[in-house]
Amino acid sequence: MSRMVALLLLAVSTVVTAEELVAIVTLKPHDVRNVTGNLKIVQSVPNGPVTITGTVHGLTEGLHGFHVHEKGDLSDGCTSTGAHFNPENVTHGAPEDTVRHVGDLGNIQANSDGEATVNITDNIISLTGPHSILGRSMVVHSDQDDLGKGNSSLSLTTGNAGSRWACGVIGVESPTDSWNSGSFTTPNLSTLVIFLLVVAYQHFKF
């Protein structure tokens, strides 16, 4: 086998791409205020950034605290979701802070129609590993999160973000075998093209 074929075969065995892991959240109202929404959570590479996109309806105009809470338990509405997801047992902060709860995602902003478009990229939360938010819950609050910088006694625990207006469990959308295997890698189009080039070379010796 020629050196070229050997190199191409090596490329076939090593060129892979990340398979996205995808989770979804359906937000349901906690009380009489009809706050609802749908969110999509995507992680494209292992230990890589996570994006959250979607829309929340029924809010008052302005900023609203937006967090991952520790429990995916809605048996008592949003009350039973527990505290912010905080496996490192640190104080509350802003998404960009070095010290923050894993679940601290800051605020979402609603327009005059009460609709908030969510488009967040975060490097701390994950869909696998010790910072996995899978099976936990997303909560939208009544007030603005002060990001741990306010004067309230609640500033370093909840951001003084007020009551819980809506919540939903973070559930799997992508194929379950991807999650169970713990592997993101699958052959991509580039791998297939290289394989076909190898086959062509062997047959036609171009």
C-alpha atoms as a PDB file:
ATOM      1  CA  MET A   1       0.000   0.000   0.000  1.00  0.00           C
ATOM      2  CA  SER A   2       1.416   3.370  -0.980  1.00  0.00           C
ATOM      3  CA  ARG A   3       2.240   6.114   1.476  1.00  0.00           C
ATOM      4  CA  MET A   4      -0.650   8.213   0.100  1.00  0.00           C
ATOM      5  CA  VAL A   5      -3.191   5.477   0.754  1.00  0.00           C
ATOM      6  CA  ALA A   6      -1.810   4.938   4.230  1.00  0.00           C
ATOM      7  CA  LEU A   7      -2.174   8.636   5.016  1.00  0.00           C
ATOM      8  CA  LEU A   8      -5.693   8.705   3.642  1.00  0.00           C
ATOM      9  CA  LEU A   9      -6.676   5.707   5.739  1.00  0.00           C
ATOM     10  CA  LEU A  10      -5.247   7.424   8.810  1.00  0.00           C
ATOM     11  CA  ALA A  11      -7.382  10.468   8.005  1.00  0.00           C
ATOM     12  CA  VAL A  12     -10.475   8.278   7.697  1.00  0.00           C
ATOM     13  CA  SER A  13      -9.881   6.863  11.167  1.00  0.00           C
ATOM     14  CA  THR A  14      -9.281  10.233  12.828  1.00  0.00           C
ATOM     15  CA  VAL A  15     -11.504  12.808  11.094  1.00  0.00           C
ATOM     16  CA  VAL A  16     -14.692  12.983  13.153  1.00  0.00           C
ATOM     17  CA  THR A  17     -17.092  15.664  14.118  1.00  0.00           C
ATOM     18  CA  ALA A  18     -19.008  16.407  17.285  1.00  0.00           C
ATOM     19  CA  GLU A  19     -22.591  15.245  17.517  1.00  0.00           C
ATOM     20  CA  GLU A  20     -24.782  17.842  19.144  1.00  0.00           C
ATOM     21  CA  LEU A  21     -26.521  17.047  22.386  1.00  0.00           C
ATOM     22  CA  VAL A  22     -29.884  18.770  22.551  1.00  0.00           C
ATOM     23  CA  ALA A  23     -32.254  19.343  25.463  1.00  0.00           C
ATOM     24  CA  ILE A  24     -35.588  21.145  25.614  1.00  0.00           C
ATOM     25  CA  VAL A  25     -37.617  22.956  28.259  1.00  0.00           C
ATOM     26  CA  THR A  26     -41.336  23.673  28.253  1.00  0.00           C
ATOM     27  CA  LEU A  27     -41.978  26.485  30.722  1.00  0.00           C
ATOM     28  CA  LYS A  28     -45.272  26.362  32.599  1.00  0.00           C
ATOM     29  CA  PRO A  29     -46.766  29.031  34.875  1.00  0.00           C
ATOM     30  CA  HIS A  30     -46.331  28.674  38.610  1.00  0.00           C
ATOM     31  CA  ASP A  31     -49.304  30.781  39.658  1.00  0.00           C
ATOM     32  CA  VAL A  32     -52.072  32.915  38.223  1.00  0.00           C
ATOM     33  CA  ARG A  33     -49.727  34.835  35.916  1.00  0.00           C
ATOM     34  CA  ASN A  34     -49.679  32.929  32.616  1.00  0.00           C
ATOM     35  CA  VAL A  35     -45.943  32.862  31.867  1.00  0.00           C
ATOM     36  CA  THR A  36     -45.059  30.180  29.325  1.00  0.00           C
ATOM     37  CA  GLY A  37     -42.257  29.420  26.914  1.00  0.00           C
ATOM     38  CA  ASN A  38     -40.179  26.937  24.987  1.00  0.00           C
ATOM     39  CA  LEU A  39     -36.399  26.693  25.123  1.00  0.00           C
ATOM     40  CA  LYS A  40     -33.801  24.674  23.246  1.00  0.00           C
ATOM     41  CA  ILE A  41     -30.426  23.891  24.812  1.00  0.00           C
ATOM     42  CA  VAL A  42     -27.556  22.753  22.576  1.00  0.00           C
ATOM     43  CA  GLN A  43     -24.003  21.600  23.301  1.00  0.00           C
ATOM     44  CA  SER A  44     -22.055  20.886  20.119  1.00  0.00           C
ATOM     45  CA  VAL A  45     -18.737  19.615  21.522  1.00  0.00           C
ATOM     46  CA  PRO A  46     -17.681  17.887  24.763  1.00  0.00           C
ATOM     47  CA  ASN A  47     -17.058  20.432  27.518  1.00  0.00           C
ATOM     48  CA  GLY A  48     -17.857  23.185  25.035  1.00  0.00           C
ATOM     49  CA  PRO A  49     -20.184  26.163  25.351  1.00  0.00           C
ATOM     50  CA  VAL A  50     -23.916  25.636  25.725  1.00  0.00           C
ATOM     51  CA  THR A  51     -26.467  27.768  23.901  1.00  0.00           C
ATOM     52  CA  ILE A  52     -30.011  28.413  25.108  1.00  0.00           C
ATOM     53  CA  THR A  53     -32.502  29.823  22.634  1.00  0.00           C
ATOM     54  CA  GLY A  54     -36.255  30.298  22.646  1.00  0.00           C
ATOM     55  CA  THR A  55     -39.058  32.612  23.668  1.00  0.00           C
ATOM     56  CA  VAL A  56     -40.854  33.339  26.944  1.00  0.00           C
ATOM     57  CA  HIS A  57     -44.335  34.899  26.940  1.00  0.00           C
ATOM     58  CA  GLY A  58     -46.534  36.589  29.540  1.00  0.00           C
ATOM     59  CA  LEU A  59     -43.882  38.628  31.377  1.00  0.00           C
ATOM     60  CA  THR A  60     -43.948  42.239  32.472  1.00  0.00           C
ATOM     61  CA  GLU A  61     -41.703  44.541  30.462  1.00  0.00           C
ATOM     62  CA  GLY A  62     -38.100  44.581  31.676  1.00  0.00           C
ATOM     63  CA  LEU A  63     -35.510  42.213  33.118  1.00  0.00           C
ATOM     64  CA  HIS A  64     -36.314  38.900  34.808  1.00  0.00           C
ATOM     65  CA  GLY A  65     -34.011  36.533  36.647  1.00  0.00           C
ATOM     66  CA  PHE A  66     -33.297  33.346  34.718  1.00  0.00           C
ATOM     67  CA  HIS A  67     -31.690  30.396  36.470  1.00  0.00           C
ATOM     68  CA  VAL A  68     -31.140  26.657  36.512  1.00  0.00           C
ATOM     69  CA  HIS A  69     -32.491  25.231  39.775  1.00  0.00           C
ATOM     70  CA  GLU A  70     -31.197  22.066  41.383  1.00  0.00           C
ATOM     71  CA  LYS A  71     -34.251  19.802  41.131  1.00  0.00           C
ATOM     72  CA  GLY A  72     -36.412  18.675  38.240  1.00  0.00           C
ATOM     73  CA  ASP A  73     -39.338  18.349  40.629  1.00  0.00           C
ATOM     74  CA  LEU A  74     -42.542  20.191  39.736  1.00  0.00           C
ATOM     75  CA  SER A  75     -44.776  18.354  42.208  1.00  0.00           C
ATOM     76  CA  ASP A  76     -45.364  21.648  44.027  1.00  0.00           C
ATOM     77  CA  GLY A  77     -44.972  23.851  40.991  1.00  0.00           C
ATOM     78  CA  CYS A  78     -41.793  25.908  40.836  1.00  0.00           C
ATOM     79  CA  THR A  79     -41.445  25.838  44.622  1.00  0.00           C
ATOM     80  CA  SER A  80     -40.214  22.240  44.586  1.00  0.00           C
ATOM     81  CA  THR A  81     -37.380  22.950  42.134  1.00  0.00           C
ATOM     82  CA  GLY A  82     -35.146  23.844  45.074  1.00  0.00           C
ATOM     83  CA  ALA A  83     -32.386  26.434  45.098  1.00  0.00           C
ATOM     84  CA  HIS A  84     -30.111  27.515  42.262  1.00  0.00           C
ATOM     85  CA  PHE A  85     -27.963  24.673  40.932  1.00  0.00           C
ATOM     86  CA  ASN A  86     -24.791  25.256  42.954  1.00  0.00           C
ATOM     87  CA  PRO A  87     -22.603  22.119  43.153  1.00  0.00           C
ATOM     88  CA  GLU A  88     -19.513  24.152  44.113  1.00  0.00           C
ATOM     89  CA  ASN A  89     -21.320  25.722  47.105  1.00  0.00           C
ATOM     90  CA  VAL A  90     -20.319  29.289  46.242  1.00  0.00           C
ATOM     91  CA  THR A  91     -22.129  32.632  46.287  1.00  0.00           C
ATOM     92  CA  HIS A  92     -24.509  33.950  43.641  1.00  0.00           C
ATOM     93  CA  GLY A  93     -23.103  36.034  40.816  1.00  0.00           C
ATOM     94  CA  ALA A  94     -23.360  37.161  37.227  1.00  0.00           C
ATOM     95  CA  PRO A  95     -22.906  34.755  34.296  1.00  0.00           C
ATOM     96  CA  GLU A  96     -19.504  36.281  33.510  1.00  0.00           C
ATOM     97  CA  ASP A  97     -18.235  36.127  37.111  1.00  0.00           C
ATOM     98  CA  THR A  98     -15.510  33.684  38.142  1.00  0.00           C
ATOM     99  CA  VAL A  99     -17.459  32.923  41.325  1.00  0.00           C
ATOM    100  CA  ARG A 100     -21.108  32.092  40.626  1.00  0.00           C
ATOM    101  CA  HIS A 101     -23.625  29.308  40.919  1.00  0.00           C
ATOM    102  CA  VAL A 102     -23.486  26.974  37.940  1.00  0.00           C
ATOM    103  CA  GLY A 103     -27.156  27.843  37.437  1.00  0.00           C
ATOM    104  CA  ASP A 104     -26.643  31.614  37.386  1.00  0.00           C
ATOM    105  CA  LEU A 105     -27.680  32.705  33.893  1.00  0.00           C
ATOM    106  CA  GLY A 106     -28.469  36.331  34.671  1.00  0.00           C
ATOM    107  CA  ASN A 107     -31.568  37.955  33.209  1.00  0.00           C
ATOM    108  CA  ILE A 108     -33.784  37.781  30.180  1.00  0.00           C
ATOM    109  CA  GLN A 109     -35.464  40.949  28.899  1.00  0.00           C
ATOM    110  CA  ALA A 110     -39.110  41.204  27.967  1.00  0.00           C
ATOM    111  CA  ASN A 111     -40.446  43.800  25.555  1.00  0.00           C
ATOM    112  CA  SER A 112     -43.626  45.848  25.913  1.00  0.00           C
ATOM    113  CA  ASP A 113     -45.654  42.841  24.757  1.00  0.00           C
ATOM    114  CA  GLY A 114     -44.265  40.730  27.595  1.00  0.00           C
ATOM    115  CA  GLU A 115     -42.174  38.585  25.262  1.00  0.00           C
ATOM    116  CA  ALA A 116     -38.517  37.763  25.885  1.00  0.00           C
ATOM    117  CA  THR A 117     -36.304  36.324  23.179  1.00  0.00           C
ATOM    118  CA  VAL A 118     -33.685  34.109  24.801  1.00  0.00           C
ATOM    119  CA  ASN A 119     -30.264  33.747  23.184  1.00  0.00           C
ATOM    120  CA  ILE A 120     -27.645  32.842  25.781  1.00  0.00           C
ATOM    121  CA  THR A 121     -24.259  31.167  25.419  1.00  0.00           C
ATOM    122  CA  ASP A 122     -22.682  29.930  28.643  1.00  0.00           C
ATOM    123  CA  ASN A 123     -19.378  28.177  29.338  1.00  0.00           C
ATOM    124  CA  ILE A 124     -20.180  26.820  32.813  1.00  0.00           C
ATOM    125  CA  ILE A 125     -23.356  24.785  32.417  1.00  0.00           C
ATOM    126  CA  SER A 126     -23.145  21.524  30.497  1.00  0.00           C
ATOM    127  CA  LEU A 127     -25.335  18.685  29.286  1.00  0.00           C
ATOM    128  CA  THR A 128     -22.894  16.068  30.601  1.00  0.00           C
ATOM    129  CA  GLY A 129     -20.512  15.702  33.543  1.00  0.00           C
ATOM    130  CA  PRO A 130     -20.593  17.302  37.007  1.00  0.00           C
ATOM    131  CA  HIS A 131     -22.105  20.560  35.737  1.00  0.00           C
ATOM    132  CA  SER A 132     -24.852  18.826  33.781  1.00  0.00           C
ATOM    133  CA  ILE A 133     -28.176  20.610  33.961  1.00  0.00           C
ATOM    134  CA  LEU A 134     -30.037  17.695  32.421  1.00  0.00           C
ATOM    135  CA  GLY A 135     -32.995  16.630  34.572  1.00  0.00           C
ATOM    136  CA  ARG A 136     -32.901  19.845  36.581  1.00  0.00           C
ATOM    137  CA  SER A 137     -35.198  22.809  35.980  1.00  0.00           C
ATOM    138  CA  MET A 138     -35.177  26.237  34.406  1.00  0.00           C
ATOM    139  CA  VAL A 139     -36.939  29.003  36.334  1.00  0.00           C
ATOM    140  CA  VAL A 140     -38.028  32.484  35.290  1.00  0.00           C
ATOM    141  CA  HIS A 141     -38.493  35.019  38.097  1.00  0.00           C
ATOM    142  CA  SER A 142     -40.710  38.031  38.638  1.00  0.00           C
ATOM    143  CA  ASP A 143     -37.940  40.578  39.163  1.00  0.00           C
ATOM    144  CA  GLN A 144     -34.514  41.525  37.910  1.00  0.00           C
ATOM    145  CA  ASP A 145     -31.554  39.511  39.187  1.00  0.00           C
ATOM    146  CA  ASP A 146     -29.107  41.958  40.814  1.00  0.00           C
ATOM    147  CA  LEU A 147     -26.253  39.544  39.931  1.00  0.00           C
ATOM    148  CA  GLY A 148     -24.985  39.417  43.504  1.00  0.00           C
ATOM    149  CA  LYS A 149     -24.198  43.122  43.558  1.00  0.00           C
ATOM    150  CA  GLY A 150     -27.256  44.504  45.317  1.00  0.00           C
ATOM    151  CA  ASN A 151     -27.784  45.627  48.900  1.00  0.00           C
ATOM    152  CA  SER A 152     -30.396  42.997  49.728  1.00  0.00           C
ATOM    153  CA  SER A 153     -29.705  40.144  52.139  1.00  0.00           C
ATOM    154  CA  LEU A 154     -30.779  37.853  49.282  1.00  0.00           C
ATOM    155  CA  SER A 155     -28.284  39.277  46.810  1.00  0.00           C
ATOM    156  CA  LEU A 156     -25.637  36.570  47.312  1.00  0.00           C
ATOM    157  CA  THR A 157     -28.118  33.688  47.326  1.00  0.00           C
ATOM    158  CA  THR A 158     -30.848  34.437  44.794  1.00  0.00           C
ATOM    159  CA  GLY A 159     -29.927  37.808  43.305  1.00  0.00           C
ATOM    160  CA  ASN A 160     -33.109  39.102  44.944  1.00  0.00           C
ATOM    161  CA  ALA A 161     -34.935  38.097  41.765  1.00  0.00           C
ATOM    162  CA  GLY A 162     -38.331  37.806  43.402  1.00  0.00           C
ATOM    163  CA  SER A 163     -40.919  35.068  43.085  1.00  0.00           C
ATOM    164  CA  ARG A 164     -40.969  32.190  40.621  1.00  0.00           C
ATOM    165  CA  TRP A 165     -43.269  32.858  37.689  1.00  0.00           C
ATOM    166  CA  ALA A 166     -42.567  29.869  35.431  1.00  0.00           C
ATOM    167  CA  CYS A 167     -40.464  26.717  35.330  1.00  0.00           C
ATOM    168  CA  GLY A 168     -39.836  23.567  33.350  1.00  0.00           C
ATOM    169  CA  VAL A 169     -37.761  20.399  33.543  1.00  0.00           C
ATOM    170  CA  ILE A 170     -34.710  20.176  31.272  1.00  0.00           C
ATOM    171  CA  GLY A 171     -35.247  17.006  29.222  1.00  0.00           C
ATOM    172  CA  VAL A 172     -33.450  15.080  26.465  1.00  0.00           C
ATOM    173  CA  GLU A 173     -34.382  15.707  22.842  1.00  0.00           C
ATOM    174  CA  SER A 174     -31.479  14.125  20.923  1.00  0.00           C
ATOM    175  CA  PRO A 175     -31.208  10.309  20.573  1.00  0.00           C
ATOM    176  CA  THR A 176     -30.758   8.535  23.889  1.00  0.00           C
ATOM    177  CA  ASP A 177     -27.924   6.313  22.658  1.00  0.00           C
ATOM    178  CA  SER A 178     -25.761   9.427  22.258  1.00  0.00           C
ATOM    179  CA  TRP A 179     -26.225  10.297  25.929  1.00  0.00           C
ATOM    180  CA  ASN A 180     -25.799   6.756  27.201  1.00  0.00           C
ATOM    181  CA  SER A 181     -22.580   6.088  25.320  1.00  0.00           C
ATOM    182  CA  GLY A 182     -20.906   9.216  26.631  1.00  0.00           C
ATOM    183  CA  SER A 183     -19.399   9.746  23.167  1.00  0.00           C
ATOM    184  CA  PHE A 184     -20.097  12.671  20.886  1.00  0.00           C
ATOM    185  CA  THR A 185     -18.078  11.477  17.880  1.00  0.00           C
ATOM    186  CA  THR A 186     -19.613  10.236  14.642  1.00  0.00           C
ATOM    187  CA  PRO A 187     -18.170  10.160  11.116  1.00  0.00           C
ATOM    188  CA  ASN A 188     -18.964  13.271   9.113  1.00  0.00           C
ATOM    189  CA  LEU A 189     -19.168  14.103   5.418  1.00  0.00           C
ATOM    190  CA  SER A 190     -15.431  14.780   5.201  1.00  0.00           C
ATOM    191  CA  THR A 191     -14.700  11.269   6.419  1.00  0.00           C
ATOM    192  CA  LEU A 192     -17.005   9.790   3.800  1.00  0.00           C
ATOM    193  CA  VAL A 193     -15.361  11.803   1.005  1.00  0.00           C
ATOM    194  CA  ILE A 194     -11.888  10.674   2.062  1.00  0.00           C
ATOM    195  CA  PHE A 195     -13.040   7.056   2.185  1.00  0.00           C
ATOM    196  CA  LEU A 196     -14.415   7.326  -1.356  1.00  0.00           C
ATOM    197  CA  LEU A 197     -11.114   8.824  -2.530  1.00  0.00           C
ATOM    198  CA  VAL A 198      -9.263   5.847  -1.065  1.00  0.00           C
ATOM    199  CA  VAL A 199     -11.573   3.419  -2.865  1.00  0.00           C
ATOM    200  CA  ALA A 200     -11.170   5.317  -6.132  1.00  0.00           C
ATOM    201  CA  TYR A 201      -7.379   5.324  -5.792  1.00  0.00           C
ATOM    202  CA  GLN A 202      -7.268   1.607  -5.184  1.00  0.00           C
ATOM    203  CA  HIS A 203      -9.437   0.877  -8.220  1.00  0.00           C
ATOM    204  CA  PHE A 204      -8.171   3.391 -10.736  1.00  0.00           C
ATOM    205  CA  LYS A 205      -4.634   4.195  -9.478  1.00  0.00           C
ATOM    206  CA  PHE A 206      -4.956   7.833 -10.480  1.00  0.00           C
END
